[in-house]
N, C-alpha and C. Protein backbone atom coordinates (compact mmCIF):
# COMPACT_ATOMS: atom_id res chain seq x y z
N MET A 1 107.61 137.74 84.45
CA MET A 1 108.68 138.72 84.37
C MET A 1 109.74 138.21 83.41
N SER A 2 110.28 139.13 82.65
CA SER A 2 111.35 138.73 81.76
C SER A 2 112.60 138.43 82.58
N ALA A 3 113.42 137.58 82.03
CA ALA A 3 114.63 137.16 82.74
C ALA A 3 115.55 138.36 82.99
N ARG A 4 115.59 139.25 82.02
CA ARG A 4 116.44 140.43 82.14
C ARG A 4 115.59 141.67 81.88
N LEU A 5 115.59 142.58 82.82
CA LEU A 5 114.83 143.82 82.68
C LEU A 5 115.71 144.92 82.10
N GLY A 6 115.07 145.77 81.31
CA GLY A 6 115.75 146.95 80.78
C GLY A 6 114.83 148.16 80.90
N TRP A 7 115.31 149.30 80.52
CA TRP A 7 114.56 150.54 80.65
C TRP A 7 113.25 150.53 79.88
N THR A 8 113.14 149.72 78.85
CA THR A 8 111.89 149.68 78.07
C THR A 8 110.82 148.81 78.72
N ASP A 9 111.15 148.09 79.77
CA ASP A 9 110.18 147.23 80.47
C ASP A 9 109.44 148.03 81.54
N VAL A 10 108.84 149.13 81.12
CA VAL A 10 108.23 150.11 82.02
C VAL A 10 107.18 149.47 82.93
N ARG A 11 106.23 148.74 82.36
CA ARG A 11 105.14 148.14 83.15
C ARG A 11 105.66 147.12 84.16
N GLU A 12 106.56 146.27 83.73
CA GLU A 12 107.09 145.24 84.64
C GLU A 12 107.89 145.89 85.76
N ILE A 13 108.67 146.91 85.44
CA ILE A 13 109.42 147.62 86.48
C ILE A 13 108.46 148.25 87.47
N ALA A 14 107.39 148.87 86.97
CA ALA A 14 106.40 149.49 87.84
C ALA A 14 105.75 148.46 88.76
N ARG A 15 105.41 147.29 88.23
CA ARG A 15 104.81 146.23 89.06
C ARG A 15 105.78 145.79 90.16
N LEU A 16 107.02 145.62 89.80
CA LEU A 16 108.02 145.20 90.79
C LEU A 16 108.24 146.26 91.87
N LEU A 17 108.29 147.51 91.46
CA LEU A 17 108.47 148.59 92.43
C LEU A 17 107.28 148.69 93.37
N ALA A 18 106.07 148.56 92.83
CA ALA A 18 104.86 148.62 93.66
C ALA A 18 104.85 147.51 94.70
N ALA A 19 105.30 146.32 94.30
CA ALA A 19 105.34 145.19 95.23
C ALA A 19 106.47 145.34 96.25
N ARG A 20 107.59 145.79 95.78
CA ARG A 20 108.78 145.87 96.64
C ARG A 20 108.74 147.05 97.60
N HIS A 21 108.05 148.12 97.21
CA HIS A 21 108.01 149.34 98.02
C HIS A 21 106.56 149.72 98.30
N ALA A 22 105.81 148.74 98.80
CA ALA A 22 104.40 148.98 99.13
C ALA A 22 104.32 150.11 100.16
N GLY A 23 103.35 150.97 99.97
CA GLY A 23 103.17 152.07 100.90
C GLY A 23 103.94 153.33 100.53
N VAL A 24 104.80 153.25 99.54
CA VAL A 24 105.55 154.42 99.10
C VAL A 24 104.79 155.10 97.97
N SER A 25 104.64 156.40 98.08
CA SER A 25 104.02 157.17 97.00
C SER A 25 105.08 157.46 95.94
N PRO A 26 104.86 157.01 94.70
CA PRO A 26 105.85 157.26 93.65
C PRO A 26 106.14 158.75 93.44
N LEU A 27 105.15 159.59 93.73
CA LEU A 27 105.35 161.03 93.53
C LEU A 27 106.22 161.65 94.62
N SER A 28 106.44 160.92 95.71
CA SER A 28 107.26 161.46 96.79
C SER A 28 108.75 161.20 96.57
N LEU A 29 109.07 160.38 95.57
CA LEU A 29 110.47 160.00 95.32
C LEU A 29 111.20 161.00 94.43
N ARG A 30 112.44 161.22 94.76
CA ARG A 30 113.30 161.96 93.83
C ARG A 30 113.70 160.99 92.72
N PHE A 31 113.94 161.51 91.54
CA PHE A 31 114.33 160.65 90.42
C PHE A 31 115.65 159.93 90.70
N THR A 32 116.52 160.52 91.48
CA THR A 32 117.77 159.84 91.80
C THR A 32 117.50 158.58 92.61
N ASP A 33 116.55 158.65 93.55
CA ASP A 33 116.19 157.47 94.34
C ASP A 33 115.45 156.45 93.49
N LEU A 34 114.54 156.91 92.64
CA LEU A 34 113.82 156.01 91.75
C LEU A 34 114.80 155.27 90.85
N HIS A 35 115.74 155.98 90.29
CA HIS A 35 116.76 155.37 89.43
C HIS A 35 117.51 154.27 90.18
N ARG A 36 117.92 154.56 91.40
CA ARG A 36 118.66 153.58 92.21
C ARG A 36 117.80 152.36 92.49
N TRP A 37 116.54 152.58 92.87
CA TRP A 37 115.65 151.45 93.16
C TRP A 37 115.46 150.57 91.94
N ILE A 38 115.36 151.19 90.77
CA ILE A 38 115.18 150.41 89.54
C ILE A 38 116.43 149.57 89.26
N THR A 39 117.58 150.20 89.34
CA THR A 39 118.81 149.46 89.02
C THR A 39 119.11 148.37 90.05
N GLU A 40 118.51 148.46 91.23
CA GLU A 40 118.69 147.43 92.26
C GLU A 40 117.69 146.28 92.14
N LEU A 41 116.72 146.39 91.23
CA LEU A 41 115.73 145.33 91.08
C LEU A 41 116.39 144.03 90.60
N PRO A 42 115.94 142.90 91.14
CA PRO A 42 116.45 141.62 90.64
C PRO A 42 116.14 141.48 89.15
N GLY A 43 117.11 141.12 88.39
CA GLY A 43 116.92 140.93 86.96
C GLY A 43 117.17 142.17 86.12
N PHE A 44 117.38 143.32 86.76
CA PHE A 44 117.66 144.51 85.96
C PHE A 44 119.06 144.41 85.40
N ALA A 45 119.17 144.49 84.08
CA ALA A 45 120.46 144.25 83.45
C ALA A 45 120.84 145.30 82.40
N ASP A 46 120.12 146.41 82.36
CA ASP A 46 120.40 147.44 81.37
C ASP A 46 121.49 148.38 81.91
N ASP A 47 122.03 149.16 81.02
CA ASP A 47 123.05 150.15 81.38
C ASP A 47 122.39 151.27 82.18
N PRO A 48 122.77 151.47 83.43
CA PRO A 48 122.16 152.53 84.25
C PRO A 48 122.26 153.92 83.63
N ARG A 49 123.24 154.13 82.78
CA ARG A 49 123.42 155.44 82.15
C ARG A 49 122.45 155.70 81.01
N ARG A 50 121.70 154.67 80.59
CA ARG A 50 120.78 154.82 79.46
C ARG A 50 119.44 155.43 79.86
N SER A 51 119.21 155.65 81.13
CA SER A 51 117.94 156.24 81.55
C SER A 51 117.97 157.75 81.35
N ASN A 52 116.79 158.32 81.36
CA ASN A 52 116.67 159.77 81.31
C ASN A 52 115.38 160.16 82.04
N GLU A 53 115.14 161.44 82.15
CA GLU A 53 113.96 161.92 82.88
C GLU A 53 112.66 161.38 82.29
N GLN A 54 112.59 161.29 80.98
CA GLN A 54 111.38 160.81 80.31
C GLN A 54 111.10 159.34 80.68
N VAL A 55 112.11 158.52 80.70
CA VAL A 55 111.94 157.10 81.05
C VAL A 55 111.53 156.98 82.52
N LEU A 56 112.19 157.71 83.40
CA LEU A 56 111.86 157.64 84.81
C LEU A 56 110.44 158.13 85.07
N GLU A 57 110.03 159.16 84.37
CA GLU A 57 108.66 159.66 84.51
C GLU A 57 107.65 158.63 84.02
N ALA A 58 107.94 157.95 82.93
CA ALA A 58 107.04 156.91 82.42
C ALA A 58 106.89 155.78 83.43
N ILE A 59 107.99 155.40 84.06
CA ILE A 59 107.95 154.35 85.09
C ILE A 59 107.16 154.84 86.29
N GLN A 60 107.38 156.07 86.68
CA GLN A 60 106.65 156.65 87.81
C GLN A 60 105.14 156.65 87.54
N MET A 61 104.73 157.04 86.34
CA MET A 61 103.31 157.06 85.99
C MET A 61 102.72 155.65 85.93
N ALA A 62 103.50 154.70 85.43
CA ALA A 62 103.04 153.32 85.40
C ALA A 62 102.89 152.77 86.81
N TRP A 63 103.77 153.17 87.71
CA TRP A 63 103.68 152.75 89.10
C TRP A 63 102.39 153.31 89.72
N ILE A 64 102.08 154.55 89.44
CA ILE A 64 100.83 155.14 89.93
C ILE A 64 99.64 154.37 89.41
N ASP A 65 99.67 154.00 88.14
CA ASP A 65 98.60 153.19 87.55
C ASP A 65 98.47 151.86 88.28
N GLU A 66 99.59 151.25 88.64
CA GLU A 66 99.57 149.98 89.37
C GLU A 66 98.85 150.15 90.72
N LEU A 67 99.10 151.26 91.38
CA LEU A 67 98.48 151.49 92.68
C LEU A 67 96.98 151.74 92.56
N GLU A 68 96.55 152.28 91.43
CA GLU A 68 95.14 152.57 91.21
C GLU A 68 94.35 151.35 90.78
N ASP A 69 95.02 150.32 90.29
CA ASP A 69 94.33 149.10 89.85
C ASP A 69 93.89 148.24 91.00
């Protein structure tokens, strides 16, 4: 894991979310909750205002991929 996570670290964020929230379906989350969970991750250091729906969707899809692996 990189020392500092940002919005472009989609795969690493997805891995951390899958580990931290095992049993949660990424598709069941509202983007507001997903955003909060991401910004609460240890090492997340990006500006929370820099996210958008496209970034959150990419993280959500990567999280689904993590669950399928």
